Amino acid sequence: MKLLMITIMAAFLSLHVSAQLKVAVYNPQADAKAEIAQAVEVANAGGKQVFLQIGGNWCPWCIRFHKMIEEDAELDSLVKADYVVVKVNFSKENENHEVLALLDYPQRFGFPVFVILDGKGKRIHTQDSSLLEEGKGYSRDKVRNMFVMWSADAIRKTAEKYR
């Protein structure tokens, strides 16, 4: 009987701990259209791009990407220096049909999917996240390269080179 009680308590504790570890990255109630409009204003004023991370809390690869950026000091710093980030929810509670239609349906690539807007709100890149994968996670180098190559500074320097 004692063993049964210990097993039940361990199972309950395990469920409680795993519920606490669940990360809520995306907000199904958020007004994505308004958040993107605000991000475009901030990006334009700061000479940055807008990075849309589209996915849902149901998606393990979405959470994995979020954690990678958050836990890697260099990537986190790079993103904060060059981008205004908006996490756009896609779930049964809110599929954000209108916003995704305006972005030419990036969900066709699966989730997460990343869209980069310039400081005026123009879509300049849609990134299939599967191309950034390596093994059971994301390639740090591929992710870093995406952020560097699509930064406002990189585009400006390239444009100056070919003028």
Protein backbone atom coordinates (compact mmCIF):
# COMPACT_ATOMS: atom_id res chain seq x y z
CA MET A 1 0.00 0.00 0.00
CA LYS A 2 2.83 2.36 0.87
CA LEU A 3 4.47 1.69 -2.52
CA LEU A 4 1.19 2.43 -4.30
CA MET A 5 0.83 5.76 -2.49
CA ILE A 6 4.42 6.73 -3.28
CA THR A 7 3.86 5.83 -6.96
CA ILE A 8 0.66 7.87 -7.12
CA MET A 9 2.30 10.87 -5.45
CA ALA A 10 5.32 10.65 -7.77
CA ALA A 11 3.04 10.54 -10.81
CA PHE A 12 1.07 13.55 -9.54
CA LEU A 13 4.26 15.48 -8.81
CA SER A 14 5.61 14.64 -12.27
CA LEU A 15 2.44 15.95 -13.92
CA HIS A 16 2.53 19.10 -11.79
CA VAL A 17 6.18 19.80 -12.66
CA SER A 18 5.68 19.19 -16.39
CA ALA A 19 2.68 21.54 -16.39
CA GLN A 20 4.86 24.23 -14.82
CA LEU A 21 7.58 23.68 -17.43
CA LYS A 22 5.17 24.15 -20.33
CA VAL A 23 6.10 27.33 -22.13
CA ALA A 24 3.41 29.66 -23.47
CA VAL A 25 5.15 31.57 -26.26
CA TYR A 26 2.13 32.48 -28.35
CA ASN A 27 -0.98 34.36 -27.22
CA PRO A 28 -4.12 33.15 -29.04
CA GLN A 29 -6.00 36.28 -27.88
CA ALA A 30 -3.43 38.73 -29.25
CA ASP A 31 -4.43 41.11 -32.03
CA ALA A 32 -1.67 40.12 -34.46
CA LYS A 33 -2.58 42.80 -36.99
CA ALA A 34 -2.25 45.56 -34.37
CA GLU A 35 0.96 44.07 -32.94
CA ILE A 36 2.51 43.92 -36.39
CA ALA A 37 1.50 47.51 -37.16
CA GLN A 38 3.09 48.67 -33.91
CA ALA A 39 6.24 46.61 -34.59
CA VAL A 40 6.56 48.19 -38.04
CA GLU A 41 6.45 51.67 -36.48
CA VAL A 42 9.11 50.75 -33.92
CA ALA A 43 11.29 49.05 -36.57
CA ASN A 44 11.02 52.01 -38.92
CA ALA A 45 12.02 54.46 -36.20
CA GLY A 46 14.95 52.28 -35.12
CA GLY A 47 16.28 51.20 -38.51
CA LYS A 48 15.32 47.58 -37.87
CA GLN A 49 13.35 44.82 -39.54
CA VAL A 50 10.28 43.03 -38.15
CA PHE A 51 10.66 39.32 -37.45
CA LEU A 52 7.38 37.43 -37.37
CA GLN A 53 7.63 34.07 -35.64
CA ILE A 54 4.44 32.26 -36.63
CA GLY A 55 3.39 29.13 -34.78
CA GLY A 56 1.58 27.92 -31.71
CA ASN A 57 2.06 26.62 -28.20
CA TRP A 58 1.00 23.18 -29.49
CA CYS A 59 4.07 23.02 -31.77
CA PRO A 60 7.24 21.52 -30.22
CA TRP A 61 9.46 22.96 -32.99
CA CYS A 62 8.02 26.43 -32.32
CA ILE A 63 8.88 26.16 -28.62
CA ARG A 64 12.29 24.69 -29.45
CA PHE A 65 13.12 27.69 -31.68
CA HIS A 66 11.94 30.16 -29.06
CA LYS A 67 14.07 28.50 -26.36
CA MET A 68 17.12 28.38 -28.63
CA ILE A 69 17.02 32.11 -29.24
CA GLU A 70 16.23 32.91 -25.61
CA GLU A 71 19.02 30.70 -24.23
CA ASP A 72 21.77 31.65 -26.70
CA ALA A 73 23.17 35.04 -25.63
CA GLU A 74 24.64 35.88 -29.03
CA LEU A 75 21.48 35.00 -30.99
CA ASP A 76 19.27 36.80 -28.47
CA SER A 77 21.47 39.90 -28.70
CA LEU A 78 21.55 39.75 -32.50
CA VAL A 79 17.76 39.53 -32.72
CA LYS A 80 17.23 42.38 -30.25
CA ALA A 81 19.74 44.59 -32.07
CA ASP A 82 18.32 44.10 -35.57
CA TYR A 83 14.66 43.10 -35.26
CA VAL A 84 11.38 43.85 -33.60
CA VAL A 85 9.84 40.44 -32.88
CA VAL A 86 6.16 39.55 -33.06
CA LYS A 87 4.96 36.06 -32.23
CA VAL A 88 1.91 35.41 -34.39
CA ASN A 89 -0.36 32.66 -33.09
CA PHE A 90 -1.75 29.88 -35.23
CA SER A 91 -3.96 27.48 -33.30
CA LYS A 92 -7.51 26.17 -33.25
CA GLU A 93 -8.38 29.14 -30.99
CA ASN A 94 -7.06 31.70 -33.47
CA GLU A 95 -5.64 30.90 -36.90
CA ASN A 96 -5.11 34.58 -37.79
CA HIS A 97 -6.51 34.02 -41.29
CA GLU A 98 -6.57 37.70 -42.24
CA VAL A 99 -2.96 38.37 -41.21
CA LEU A 100 -1.64 35.23 -42.88
CA ALA A 101 -3.51 36.07 -46.10
CA LEU A 102 -1.80 39.48 -46.14
CA LEU A 103 1.54 37.65 -45.80
CA ASP A 104 0.78 35.36 -48.78
CA TYR A 105 -0.06 32.31 -46.65
CA PRO A 106 3.30 31.44 -45.08
CA GLN A 107 1.70 28.53 -43.20
CA ARG A 108 2.12 26.51 -46.40
CA PHE A 109 5.68 25.84 -45.17
CA GLY A 110 4.52 24.37 -41.85
CA PHE A 111 5.34 25.64 -38.39
CA PRO A 112 7.10 27.54 -37.19
CA VAL A 113 7.46 29.76 -40.19
CA PHE A 114 9.27 33.07 -40.15
CA VAL A 115 8.43 36.22 -42.09
CA ILE A 116 10.66 39.28 -42.24
CA LEU A 117 9.18 42.68 -42.95
CA ASP A 118 11.17 45.81 -43.62
CA GLY A 119 10.66 49.01 -41.65
CA LYS A 120 7.81 50.01 -43.95
CA GLY A 121 5.93 46.74 -43.42
CA LYS A 122 6.80 45.19 -46.78
CA ARG A 123 7.35 41.42 -46.69
CA ILE A 124 10.91 40.80 -47.85
CA HIS A 125 11.44 37.16 -46.87
CA THR A 126 9.55 34.06 -45.81
CA GLN A 127 11.68 31.37 -44.18
CA ASP A 128 10.74 27.70 -44.12
CA SER A 129 12.09 26.72 -40.70
CA SER A 130 12.75 23.13 -41.76
CA LEU A 131 15.67 24.46 -43.79
CA LEU A 132 17.25 25.63 -40.52
CA GLU A 133 16.99 22.24 -38.82
CA GLU A 134 19.87 20.01 -37.91
CA GLY A 135 19.32 16.72 -36.14
CA LYS A 136 16.74 17.10 -33.39
CA GLY A 137 17.03 20.87 -33.26
CA TYR A 138 18.02 23.93 -35.21
CA SER A 139 21.44 24.68 -36.61
CA ARG A 140 22.78 27.64 -34.67
CA ASP A 141 24.87 28.69 -37.68
CA LYS A 142 21.94 28.57 -40.10
CA VAL A 143 19.73 30.54 -37.73
CA ARG A 144 22.45 33.11 -37.11
CA ASN A 145 23.06 33.41 -40.86
CA MET A 146 19.35 34.04 -41.50
CA PHE A 147 19.28 36.86 -38.97
CA VAL A 148 22.51 38.41 -40.26
CA MET A 149 21.66 38.17 -43.97
CA TRP A 150 18.15 39.66 -43.62
CA SER A 151 19.08 42.49 -41.28
CA ALA A 152 18.41 46.04 -42.47
CA ASP A 153 22.15 46.75 -42.36
CA ALA A 154 23.01 43.78 -44.62
CA ILE A 155 20.38 44.78 -47.17
CA ARG A 156 21.51 48.41 -47.10
CA LYS A 157 25.17 47.46 -47.60
CA THR A 158 24.29 45.17 -50.49
CA ALA A 159 22.16 47.84 -52.12
CA GLU A 160 25.01 50.38 -51.81
CA LYS A 161 27.44 47.91 -53.36
CA TYR A 162 25.32 47.47 -56.48
CA ARG A 163 24.26 51.07 -57.05
